[in-house]
Amino acid sequence: MVGRLHAVVGPSGAGKDTLIDAARAVRRDLAVARRVITRPSAAGGEDFEGVSVEEFDRRLAAGEFALHWEAHGLKYGVPIEIETALNEGRDVLFNGSRAILPEAYALYPNMGVLLITASPEVLADRLASRGRETRAEIEKRLARAEYDIAPGLPVRRVNNDGALDEAVAAFLAALQPERV
C-alpha cells in the first residue's frame, strides 16, 4: 500500500510547523519532508536546509526535488526522498504553498490538503513575536492571509486559534482517509 502525501498550507503564523511537529510526536509513523530553501539556515523558524540559489538550481537540474516552487523571493524544494517513504506505505507531510497544489495533486493524486487557519489577530501576534519582519511586512503578509485553494482539491480545514491540544486533535483527525 502506498502512503499518502499531505500538503500542509496556510498563512504565515497559522502554526503549520507547530502542528506538524505535534502530530509527529503522536504519530511516529508519519514522515515529514525537510524542505530545502534558498535562505540561510541560521534564519531560524522551521527545520529546513538552507542553500544558495546556485546549489538549489543544481539540485533541481539533477532531479533531486519531488516538488519545487518560488514564493516571497525564495526557492523551496521538497526532496525526492519522500518517494521512498510513500512507497513504504508511510504518510508524508510537507509544509507547502497553495501555488504548488495543482501540480502536486497531478503528481500525487491521493494527496490531501490540510489548510491551517487562524484569525488575523492571532496571525499578527504570532508574526510579531517572531521578530523577523517589520510591521509593514507583517501587514503585507496579513493582506495575503485569505486563502483560496484551487477548486477540486480535497481540502480539510484546521483552525489553530485556541488551545494547541484541540488543534492537534483536529489536525490528526484531518489526516485520516476520507470516509465514503
N, C-alpha and C. Protein backbone atom coordinates (compact mmCIF):
# COMPACT_ATOMS: atom_id res chain seq x y z
N MET A 1 0.84 -1.18 0.00
CA MET A 1 0.00 0.00 0.00
C MET A 1 0.88 1.24 0.00
N VAL A 2 0.59 2.15 -0.90
CA VAL A 2 1.35 3.40 -1.00
C VAL A 2 0.83 4.38 0.04
N GLY A 3 1.74 5.12 0.66
CA GLY A 3 1.36 6.14 1.63
C GLY A 3 0.71 7.32 0.94
N ARG A 4 0.26 8.24 1.75
CA ARG A 4 -0.44 9.42 1.24
C ARG A 4 0.36 10.67 1.55
N LEU A 5 0.47 11.53 0.55
CA LEU A 5 1.12 12.83 0.73
C LEU A 5 0.09 13.81 1.25
N HIS A 6 0.48 14.62 2.24
CA HIS A 6 -0.39 15.64 2.81
C HIS A 6 0.32 16.98 2.71
N ALA A 7 -0.27 17.90 1.95
CA ALA A 7 0.25 19.27 1.87
C ALA A 7 -0.37 20.05 3.02
N VAL A 8 0.48 20.66 3.84
CA VAL A 8 0.01 21.49 4.95
C VAL A 8 0.23 22.93 4.52
N VAL A 9 -0.85 23.67 4.33
CA VAL A 9 -0.77 25.04 3.83
C VAL A 9 -1.54 25.97 4.75
N GLY A 10 -1.27 27.25 4.59
CA GLY A 10 -1.96 28.27 5.37
C GLY A 10 -1.09 29.49 5.45
N PRO A 11 -1.63 30.57 5.94
CA PRO A 11 -0.87 31.81 6.01
C PRO A 11 0.26 31.73 7.03
N SER A 12 1.25 32.58 6.86
CA SER A 12 2.34 32.66 7.83
C SER A 12 1.77 32.97 9.20
N GLY A 13 2.25 32.23 10.20
CA GLY A 13 1.79 32.43 11.56
C GLY A 13 0.62 31.56 11.96
N ALA A 14 0.09 30.77 11.03
CA ALA A 14 -1.06 29.92 11.35
C ALA A 14 -0.67 28.75 12.25
N GLY A 15 0.61 28.40 12.27
CA GLY A 15 1.07 27.31 13.13
C GLY A 15 1.28 26.00 12.41
N LYS A 16 1.57 26.07 11.12
CA LYS A 16 1.75 24.84 10.33
C LYS A 16 2.85 23.95 10.91
N ASP A 17 4.01 24.52 11.15
CA ASP A 17 5.13 23.72 11.65
C ASP A 17 4.87 23.21 13.07
N THR A 18 4.22 24.02 13.89
CA THR A 18 3.88 23.58 15.25
C THR A 18 2.98 22.35 15.20
N LEU A 19 1.97 22.38 14.32
CA LEU A 19 1.05 21.25 14.21
C LEU A 19 1.72 20.03 13.58
N ILE A 20 2.58 20.25 12.61
CA ILE A 20 3.32 19.13 12.01
C ILE A 20 4.18 18.44 13.07
N ASP A 21 4.91 19.24 13.86
CA ASP A 21 5.77 18.67 14.91
C ASP A 21 4.95 17.93 15.96
N ALA A 22 3.83 18.51 16.36
CA ALA A 22 2.98 17.88 17.38
C ALA A 22 2.37 16.58 16.86
N ALA A 23 1.96 16.58 15.60
CA ALA A 23 1.39 15.36 15.01
C ALA A 23 2.43 14.25 14.95
N ARG A 24 3.63 14.61 14.60
CA ARG A 24 4.71 13.61 14.51
C ARG A 24 5.05 13.04 15.87
N ALA A 25 4.92 13.85 16.90
CA ALA A 25 5.19 13.36 18.26
C ALA A 25 4.17 12.31 18.66
N VAL A 26 2.95 12.43 18.17
CA VAL A 26 1.89 11.47 18.48
C VAL A 26 1.95 10.28 17.53
N ARG A 27 2.17 10.57 16.26
CA ARG A 27 2.19 9.51 15.24
C ARG A 27 3.60 9.39 14.68
N ARG A 28 4.39 8.54 15.29
CA ARG A 28 5.78 8.34 14.88
C ARG A 28 5.91 7.77 13.48
N ASP A 29 4.83 7.19 12.94
CA ASP A 29 4.87 6.61 11.61
C ASP A 29 4.85 7.68 10.51
N LEU A 30 4.50 8.90 10.86
CA LEU A 30 4.46 9.97 9.86
C LEU A 30 5.87 10.37 9.43
N ALA A 31 6.03 10.60 8.15
CA ALA A 31 7.29 11.16 7.65
C ALA A 31 7.05 12.64 7.38
N VAL A 32 8.04 13.45 7.68
CA VAL A 32 7.93 14.89 7.45
C VAL A 32 9.05 15.30 6.51
N ALA A 33 8.67 15.90 5.39
CA ALA A 33 9.66 16.35 4.41
C ALA A 33 10.39 17.58 4.96
N ARG A 34 11.71 17.51 4.96
CA ARG A 34 12.54 18.65 5.38
C ARG A 34 12.83 19.47 4.13
N ARG A 35 12.23 20.64 4.06
CA ARG A 35 12.35 21.46 2.85
C ARG A 35 13.76 22.02 2.68
N VAL A 36 14.09 22.24 1.42
CA VAL A 36 15.32 22.91 1.04
C VAL A 36 14.90 24.31 0.60
N ILE A 37 15.51 25.35 1.20
CA ILE A 37 15.09 26.73 0.95
C ILE A 37 16.32 27.59 0.70
N THR A 38 16.19 28.53 -0.21
CA THR A 38 17.30 29.44 -0.52
C THR A 38 17.32 30.60 0.48
N ARG A 39 17.52 30.27 1.74
CA ARG A 39 17.76 31.26 2.79
C ARG A 39 18.72 30.63 3.78
N PRO A 40 19.45 31.45 4.52
CA PRO A 40 20.42 30.89 5.46
C PRO A 40 19.75 30.04 6.54
N SER A 41 20.34 28.91 6.86
CA SER A 41 19.80 28.03 7.90
C SER A 41 19.69 28.76 9.24
N ALA A 42 20.55 29.74 9.46
CA ALA A 42 20.54 30.50 10.71
C ALA A 42 19.34 31.44 10.80
N ALA A 43 18.52 31.53 9.74
CA ALA A 43 17.36 32.43 9.75
C ALA A 43 16.31 32.00 10.76
N GLY A 44 16.42 30.77 11.26
CA GLY A 44 15.50 30.29 12.29
C GLY A 44 14.18 29.82 11.73
N GLY A 45 13.27 29.54 12.66
CA GLY A 45 11.95 29.04 12.26
C GLY A 45 11.97 27.54 12.15
N GLU A 46 11.30 27.03 11.13
CA GLU A 46 11.18 25.59 10.91
C GLU A 46 12.54 24.93 10.69
N ASP A 47 12.56 23.62 10.78
CA ASP A 47 13.74 22.84 10.45
C ASP A 47 13.80 22.72 8.92
N PHE A 48 14.80 23.34 8.32
CA PHE A 48 14.97 23.29 6.87
C PHE A 48 16.45 23.28 6.54
N GLU A 49 16.75 22.95 5.29
CA GLU A 49 18.13 23.00 4.81
C GLU A 49 18.30 24.27 3.98
N GLY A 50 19.11 25.16 4.46
CA GLY A 50 19.37 26.40 3.74
C GLY A 50 20.48 26.20 2.71
N VAL A 51 20.24 26.64 1.48
CA VAL A 51 21.22 26.51 0.41
C VAL A 51 21.25 27.81 -0.41
N SER A 52 22.30 27.95 -1.20
CA SER A 52 22.40 29.09 -2.11
C SER A 52 21.48 28.84 -3.31
N VAL A 53 21.20 29.89 -4.03
CA VAL A 53 20.39 29.76 -5.25
C VAL A 53 21.09 28.84 -6.23
N GLU A 54 22.40 28.95 -6.34
CA GLU A 54 23.17 28.11 -7.26
C GLU A 54 23.06 26.63 -6.89
N GLU A 55 23.16 26.33 -5.59
CA GLU A 55 23.05 24.94 -5.14
C GLU A 55 21.64 24.42 -5.37
N PHE A 56 20.63 25.25 -5.10
CA PHE A 56 19.25 24.85 -5.34
C PHE A 56 19.06 24.51 -6.81
N ASP A 57 19.51 25.40 -7.68
CA ASP A 57 19.35 25.19 -9.13
C ASP A 57 20.08 23.93 -9.60
N ARG A 58 21.25 23.65 -9.01
CA ARG A 58 21.99 22.43 -9.35
C ARG A 58 21.17 21.19 -8.97
N ARG A 59 20.61 21.21 -7.77
CA ARG A 59 19.81 20.07 -7.30
C ARG A 59 18.54 19.91 -8.14
N LEU A 60 17.94 21.02 -8.51
CA LEU A 60 16.75 20.96 -9.34
C LEU A 60 17.07 20.32 -10.68
N ALA A 61 18.16 20.74 -11.29
CA ALA A 61 18.57 20.19 -12.59
C ALA A 61 18.91 18.70 -12.47
N ALA A 62 19.38 18.28 -11.30
CA ALA A 62 19.74 16.87 -11.08
C ALA A 62 18.53 16.01 -10.72
N GLY A 63 17.35 16.62 -10.64
CA GLY A 63 16.14 15.85 -10.32
C GLY A 63 16.00 15.47 -8.86
N GLU A 64 16.57 16.29 -7.97
CA GLU A 64 16.57 15.94 -6.55
C GLU A 64 15.33 16.41 -5.79
N PHE A 65 14.39 17.07 -6.49
CA PHE A 65 13.18 17.55 -5.82
C PHE A 65 11.95 16.87 -6.41
N ALA A 66 11.07 16.41 -5.52
CA ALA A 66 9.77 15.88 -5.94
C ALA A 66 8.87 17.04 -6.33
N LEU A 67 8.98 18.15 -5.59
CA LEU A 67 8.20 19.36 -5.82
C LEU A 67 9.09 20.57 -5.58
N HIS A 68 8.81 21.65 -6.28
CA HIS A 68 9.56 22.89 -6.04
C HIS A 68 8.71 24.07 -6.46
N TRP A 69 8.97 25.23 -5.84
CA TRP A 69 8.22 26.45 -6.14
C TRP A 69 9.01 27.65 -5.65
N GLU A 70 8.55 28.82 -6.04
CA GLU A 70 9.12 30.08 -5.58
C GLU A 70 8.04 30.88 -4.90
N ALA A 71 8.41 31.52 -3.79
CA ALA A 71 7.49 32.39 -3.05
C ALA A 71 8.30 33.36 -2.21
N HIS A 72 7.83 34.58 -2.14
CA HIS A 72 8.45 35.60 -1.29
C HIS A 72 9.94 35.79 -1.59
N GLY A 73 10.32 35.63 -2.86
CA GLY A 73 11.70 35.84 -3.27
C GLY A 73 12.63 34.68 -2.93
N LEU A 74 12.08 33.56 -2.51
CA LEU A 74 12.88 32.38 -2.16
C LEU A 74 12.45 31.20 -3.02
N LYS A 75 13.34 30.21 -3.11
CA LYS A 75 13.03 28.95 -3.79
C LYS A 75 12.89 27.87 -2.73
N TYR A 76 11.90 27.01 -2.92
CA TYR A 76 11.58 25.94 -1.99
C TYR A 76 11.58 24.61 -2.73
N GLY A 77 12.10 23.57 -2.10
CA GLY A 77 12.08 22.25 -2.69
C GLY A 77 11.75 21.18 -1.66
N VAL A 78 10.97 20.20 -2.10
CA VAL A 78 10.67 19.02 -1.29
C VAL A 78 11.51 17.89 -1.88
N PRO A 79 12.44 17.34 -1.11
CA PRO A 79 13.34 16.31 -1.64
C PRO A 79 12.61 15.09 -2.19
N ILE A 80 13.19 14.52 -3.22
CA ILE A 80 12.64 13.34 -3.89
C ILE A 80 12.56 12.14 -2.95
N GLU A 81 13.29 12.18 -1.84
CA GLU A 81 13.27 11.08 -0.87
C GLU A 81 11.88 10.81 -0.30
N ILE A 82 10.94 11.74 -0.46
CA ILE A 82 9.59 11.46 0.01
C ILE A 82 9.02 10.24 -0.70
N GLU A 83 9.52 9.98 -1.92
CA GLU A 83 9.04 8.82 -2.68
C GLU A 83 9.31 7.52 -1.93
N THR A 84 10.45 7.44 -1.26
CA THR A 84 10.80 6.23 -0.51
C THR A 84 9.79 6.00 0.60
N ALA A 85 9.51 7.04 1.39
CA ALA A 85 8.55 6.90 2.49
C ALA A 85 7.16 6.54 1.96
N LEU A 86 6.73 7.19 0.89
CA LEU A 86 5.41 6.88 0.31
C LEU A 86 5.35 5.43 -0.15
N ASN A 87 6.41 4.97 -0.80
CA ASN A 87 6.45 3.58 -1.29
C ASN A 87 6.52 2.56 -0.16
N GLU A 88 6.98 2.98 1.01
CA GLU A 88 6.99 2.13 2.19
C GLU A 88 5.62 2.10 2.87
N GLY A 89 4.67 2.88 2.33
CA GLY A 89 3.33 2.93 2.91
C GLY A 89 3.15 3.97 3.99
N ARG A 90 4.14 4.84 4.16
CA ARG A 90 4.06 5.88 5.19
C ARG A 90 3.41 7.14 4.63
N ASP A 91 2.64 7.81 5.47
CA ASP A 91 2.11 9.11 5.11
C ASP A 91 3.21 10.15 5.28
N VAL A 92 3.22 11.13 4.37
CA VAL A 92 4.26 12.17 4.36
C VAL A 92 3.59 13.53 4.44
N LEU A 93 4.07 14.36 5.35
CA LEU A 93 3.60 15.74 5.48
C LEU A 93 4.65 16.67 4.90
N PHE A 94 4.17 17.71 4.20
CA PHE A 94 5.10 18.77 3.81
C PHE A 94 4.43 20.12 3.94
N ASN A 95 5.18 21.08 4.44
CA ASN A 95 4.73 22.46 4.56
C ASN A 95 4.85 23.06 3.17
N GLY A 96 3.70 23.36 2.55
CA GLY A 96 3.72 23.76 1.15
C GLY A 96 3.14 25.13 0.89
N SER A 97 3.00 25.41 -0.37
CA SER A 97 2.45 26.66 -0.87
C SER A 97 1.20 26.34 -1.69
N ARG A 98 0.19 27.17 -1.57
CA ARG A 98 -1.03 26.92 -2.35
C ARG A 98 -0.75 26.95 -3.84
N ALA A 99 0.29 27.66 -4.27
CA ALA A 99 0.61 27.75 -5.70
C ALA A 99 1.02 26.41 -6.28
N ILE A 100 1.61 25.53 -5.49
CA ILE A 100 2.11 24.25 -5.99
C ILE A 100 1.04 23.16 -5.94
N LEU A 101 -0.08 23.40 -5.29
CA LEU A 101 -1.06 22.35 -5.06
C LEU A 101 -1.59 21.67 -6.32
N PRO A 102 -1.99 22.40 -7.36
CA PRO A 102 -2.48 21.68 -8.55
C PRO A 102 -1.42 20.76 -9.17
N GLU A 103 -0.18 21.22 -9.24
CA GLU A 103 0.90 20.39 -9.78
C GLU A 103 1.16 19.19 -8.88
N ALA A 104 1.17 19.42 -7.57
CA ALA A 104 1.41 18.33 -6.63
C ALA A 104 0.30 17.29 -6.71
N TYR A 105 -0.94 17.74 -6.83
CA TYR A 105 -2.07 16.82 -6.92
C TYR A 105 -2.01 16.00 -8.20
N ALA A 106 -1.55 16.62 -9.28
CA ALA A 106 -1.41 15.88 -10.55
C ALA A 106 -0.36 14.78 -10.41
N LEU A 107 0.71 15.03 -9.66
CA LEU A 107 1.77 14.04 -9.45
C LEU A 107 1.39 12.99 -8.40
N TYR A 108 0.62 13.41 -7.40
CA TYR A 108 0.24 12.55 -6.27
C TYR A 108 -1.29 12.62 -6.12
N PRO A 109 -2.03 11.88 -6.95
CA PRO A 109 -3.49 12.02 -6.97
C PRO A 109 -4.20 11.60 -5.69
N ASN A 110 -3.51 10.95 -4.76
CA ASN A 110 -4.16 10.64 -3.48
C ASN A 110 -3.77 11.65 -2.40
N MET A 111 -3.18 12.78 -2.82
CA MET A 111 -2.73 13.81 -1.88
C MET A 111 -3.92 14.46 -1.18
N GLY A 112 -3.73 14.75 0.08
CA GLY A 112 -4.70 15.52 0.84
C GLY A 112 -4.12 16.89 1.14
N VAL A 113 -4.99 17.86 1.36
CA VAL A 113 -4.56 19.22 1.68
C VAL A 113 -5.15 19.59 3.04
N LEU A 114 -4.28 20.00 3.96
CA LEU A 114 -4.72 20.49 5.26
C LEU A 114 -4.49 21.98 5.29
N LEU A 115 -5.57 22.74 5.35
CA LEU A 115 -5.49 24.20 5.39
C LEU A 115 -5.57 24.64 6.84
N ILE A 116 -4.46 25.18 7.34
CA ILE A 116 -4.37 25.64 8.72
C ILE A 116 -4.76 27.12 8.74
N THR A 117 -5.72 27.46 9.60
CA THR A 117 -6.19 28.84 9.67
C THR A 117 -6.07 29.38 11.09
N ALA A 118 -6.08 30.69 11.18
CA ALA A 118 -6.12 31.40 12.46
C ALA A 118 -6.66 32.80 12.17
N SER A 119 -7.20 33.43 13.17
CA SER A 119 -7.76 34.77 12.99
C SER A 119 -6.65 35.78 12.69
N PRO A 120 -6.99 36.89 12.04
CA PRO A 120 -5.98 37.91 11.74
C PRO A 120 -5.25 38.41 12.99
N GLU A 121 -5.95 38.51 14.11
CA GLU A 121 -5.32 38.99 15.34
C GLU A 121 -4.26 38.00 15.83
N VAL A 122 -4.60 36.72 15.79
CA VAL A 122 -3.65 35.69 16.22
C VAL A 122 -2.46 35.65 15.27
N LEU A 123 -2.71 35.73 13.96
CA LEU A 123 -1.62 35.75 12.99
C LEU A 123 -0.69 36.92 13.25
N ALA A 124 -1.25 38.11 13.47
CA ALA A 124 -0.43 39.31 13.70
C ALA A 124 0.43 39.14 14.94
N ASP A 125 -0.15 38.62 16.02
CA ASP A 125 0.61 38.42 17.26
C ASP A 125 1.75 37.43 17.05
N ARG A 126 1.47 36.33 16.36
CA ARG A 126 2.49 35.31 16.14
C ARG A 126 3.62 35.83 15.26
N LEU A 127 3.26 36.55 14.20
CA LEU A 127 4.29 37.09 13.31
C LEU A 127 5.15 38.12 14.04
N ALA A 128 4.54 38.97 14.84
CA ALA A 128 5.29 39.98 15.59
C ALA A 128 6.23 39.33 16.60
N SER A 129 5.78 38.25 17.24
CA SER A 129 6.61 37.59 18.25
C SER A 129 7.84 36.91 17.65
N ARG A 130 7.80 36.61 16.36
CA ARG A 130 8.97 36.01 15.71
C ARG A 130 10.13 37.01 15.61
N GLY A 131 9.78 38.28 15.44
CA GLY A 131 10.80 39.31 15.35
C GLY A 131 11.61 39.31 14.06
N ARG A 132 11.09 38.66 13.02
CA ARG A 132 11.84 38.55 11.76
C ARG A 132 11.41 39.58 10.73
N GLU A 133 10.27 40.25 10.96
CA GLU A 133 9.72 41.14 9.95
C GLU A 133 9.31 42.47 10.57
N THR A 134 9.32 43.50 9.74
CA THR A 134 8.84 44.81 10.18
C THR A 134 7.31 44.80 10.24
N ARG A 135 6.76 45.82 10.87
CA ARG A 135 5.29 45.92 10.95
C ARG A 135 4.68 45.98 9.54
N ALA A 136 5.35 46.72 8.63
CA ALA A 136 4.85 46.83 7.25
C ALA A 136 4.86 45.47 6.56
N GLU A 137 5.91 44.68 6.77
CA GLU A 137 5.99 43.34 6.17
C GLU A 137 4.90 42.43 6.74
N ILE A 138 4.65 42.55 8.04
CA ILE A 138 3.60 41.76 8.67
C ILE A 138 2.25 42.13 8.07
N GLU A 139 2.01 43.41 7.90
CA GLU A 139 0.73 43.84 7.31
C GLU A 139 0.56 43.32 5.89
N LYS A 140 1.65 43.25 5.12
CA LYS A 140 1.59 42.67 3.77
C LYS A 140 1.21 41.20 3.84
N ARG A 141 1.82 40.48 4.76
CA ARG A 141 1.50 39.05 4.93
C ARG A 141 0.04 38.86 5.32
N LEU A 142 -0.45 39.70 6.22
CA LEU A 142 -1.84 39.58 6.65
C LEU A 142 -2.80 39.87 5.51
N ALA A 143 -2.41 40.77 4.61
CA ALA A 143 -3.26 41.08 3.45
C ALA A 143 -3.38 39.87 2.53
N ARG A 144 -2.36 39.00 2.55
CA ARG A 144 -2.38 37.79 1.71
C ARG A 144 -2.93 36.57 2.47
N ALA A 145 -3.37 36.78 3.70
CA ALA A 145 -3.72 35.65 4.57
C ALA A 145 -5.01 34.94 4.15
N GLU A 146 -5.88 35.60 3.41
CA GLU A 146 -7.07 34.91 2.93
C GLU A 146 -6.63 33.88 1.90
N TYR A 147 -7.06 32.68 2.09
CA TYR A 147 -6.54 31.57 1.31
C TYR A 147 -7.56 30.99 0.36
N ASP A 148 -7.28 31.09 -0.92
CA ASP A 148 -8.08 30.40 -1.93
C ASP A 148 -7.28 29.19 -2.39
N ILE A 149 -7.92 28.06 -2.37
CA ILE A 149 -7.30 26.82 -2.83
C ILE A 149 -7.93 26.47 -4.17
N ALA A 150 -7.12 25.98 -5.10
CA ALA A 150 -7.63 25.59 -6.42
C ALA A 150 -8.83 24.66 -6.24
N PRO A 151 -9.90 24.88 -7.00
CA PRO A 151 -11.08 24.03 -6.88
C PRO A 151 -10.78 22.58 -7.24
N GLY A 152 -11.52 21.68 -6.59
CA GLY A 152 -11.41 20.26 -6.90
C GLY A 152 -10.41 19.51 -6.05
N LEU A 153 -9.66 20.21 -5.20
CA LEU A 153 -8.68 19.53 -4.35
C LEU A 153 -9.35 19.13 -3.03
N PRO A 154 -8.95 17.98 -2.46
CA PRO A 154 -9.54 17.53 -1.19
C PRO A 154 -8.94 18.32 -0.02
N VAL A 155 -9.65 19.33 0.43
CA VAL A 155 -9.15 20.23 1.47
C VAL A 155 -9.90 19.99 2.78
N ARG A 156 -9.12 19.91 3.85
CA ARG A 156 -9.69 19.85 5.20
C ARG A 156 -9.11 21.03 5.97
N ARG A 157 -9.98 21.75 6.66
CA ARG A 157 -9.57 22.94 7.43
C ARG A 157 -9.32 22.57 8.88
N VAL A 158 -8.26 23.18 9.43
CA VAL A 158 -7.94 23.03 10.85
C VAL A 158 -7.73 24.42 11.41
N ASN A 159 -8.58 24.82 12.37
CA ASN A 159 -8.42 26.13 12.99
C ASN A 159 -7.43 26.02 14.14
N ASN A 160 -6.47 26.94 14.17
CA ASN A 160 -5.43 26.92 15.19
C ASN A 160 -5.44 28.23 15.97
N ASP A 161 -6.62 28.67 16.38
CA ASP A 161 -6.77 29.89 17.17
C ASP A 161 -6.70 29.64 18.67
N GLY A 162 -7.15 28.47 19.09
CA GLY A 162 -7.32 28.21 20.52
C GLY A 162 -6.23 27.35 21.11
N ALA A 163 -6.66 26.43 21.95
CA ALA A 163 -5.73 25.55 22.66
C ALA A 163 -5.02 24.63 21.67
N LEU A 164 -3.72 24.46 21.86
CA LEU A 164 -2.92 23.64 20.96
C LEU A 164 -3.41 22.21 20.91
N ASP A 165 -3.78 21.64 22.06
CA ASP A 165 -4.22 20.24 22.06
C ASP A 165 -5.47 20.03 21.21
N GLU A 166 -6.35 21.03 21.18
CA GLU A 166 -7.54 20.93 20.32
C GLU A 166 -7.16 20.99 18.84
N ALA A 167 -6.24 21.87 18.49
CA ALA A 167 -5.79 21.98 17.10
C ALA A 167 -5.06 20.71 16.67
N VAL A 168 -4.26 20.14 17.55
CA VAL A 168 -3.54 18.90 17.22
C VAL A 168 -4.54 17.77 17.00
N ALA A 169 -5.55 17.67 17.84
CA ALA A 169 -6.57 16.63 17.67
C ALA A 169 -7.29 16.79 16.32
N ALA A 170 -7.61 18.02 15.97
CA ALA A 170 -8.27 18.28 14.68
C ALA A 170 -7.34 17.96 13.52
N PHE A 171 -6.06 18.28 13.66
CA PHE A 171 -5.05 18.01 12.63
C PHE A 171 -4.93 16.50 12.42
N LEU A 172 -4.81 15.75 13.51
CA LEU A 172 -4.69 14.29 13.41
C LEU A 172 -5.94 13.67 12.79
N ALA A 173 -7.10 14.18 13.14
CA ALA A 173 -8.34 13.68 12.54
C ALA A 173 -8.37 13.97 11.05
N ALA A 174 -7.85 15.12 10.64
CA ALA A 174 -7.84 15.50 9.23
C ALA A 174 -6.90 14.63 8.40
N LEU A 175 -5.96 13.95 9.03
CA LEU A 175 -5.04 13.07 8.32
C LEU A 175 -5.68 11.73 7.96
N GLN A 176 -6.83 11.45 8.54
CA GLN A 176 -7.47 10.16 8.28
C GLN A 176 -8.07 10.14 6.89
N PRO A 177 -8.06 9.00 6.24
CA PRO A 177 -8.67 8.90 4.91
C PRO A 177 -10.14 9.30 4.94
N GLU A 178 -10.59 9.86 3.84
CA GLU A 178 -11.99 10.25 3.75
C GLU A 178 -12.88 9.02 3.88
N ARG A 179 -13.97 9.23 4.54
CA ARG A 179 -14.95 8.14 4.65
C ARG A 179 -15.91 8.27 3.49
N VAL A 180 -16.14 7.16 2.81
CA VAL A 180 -17.01 7.17 1.64
C VAL A 180 -18.38 6.67 2.02
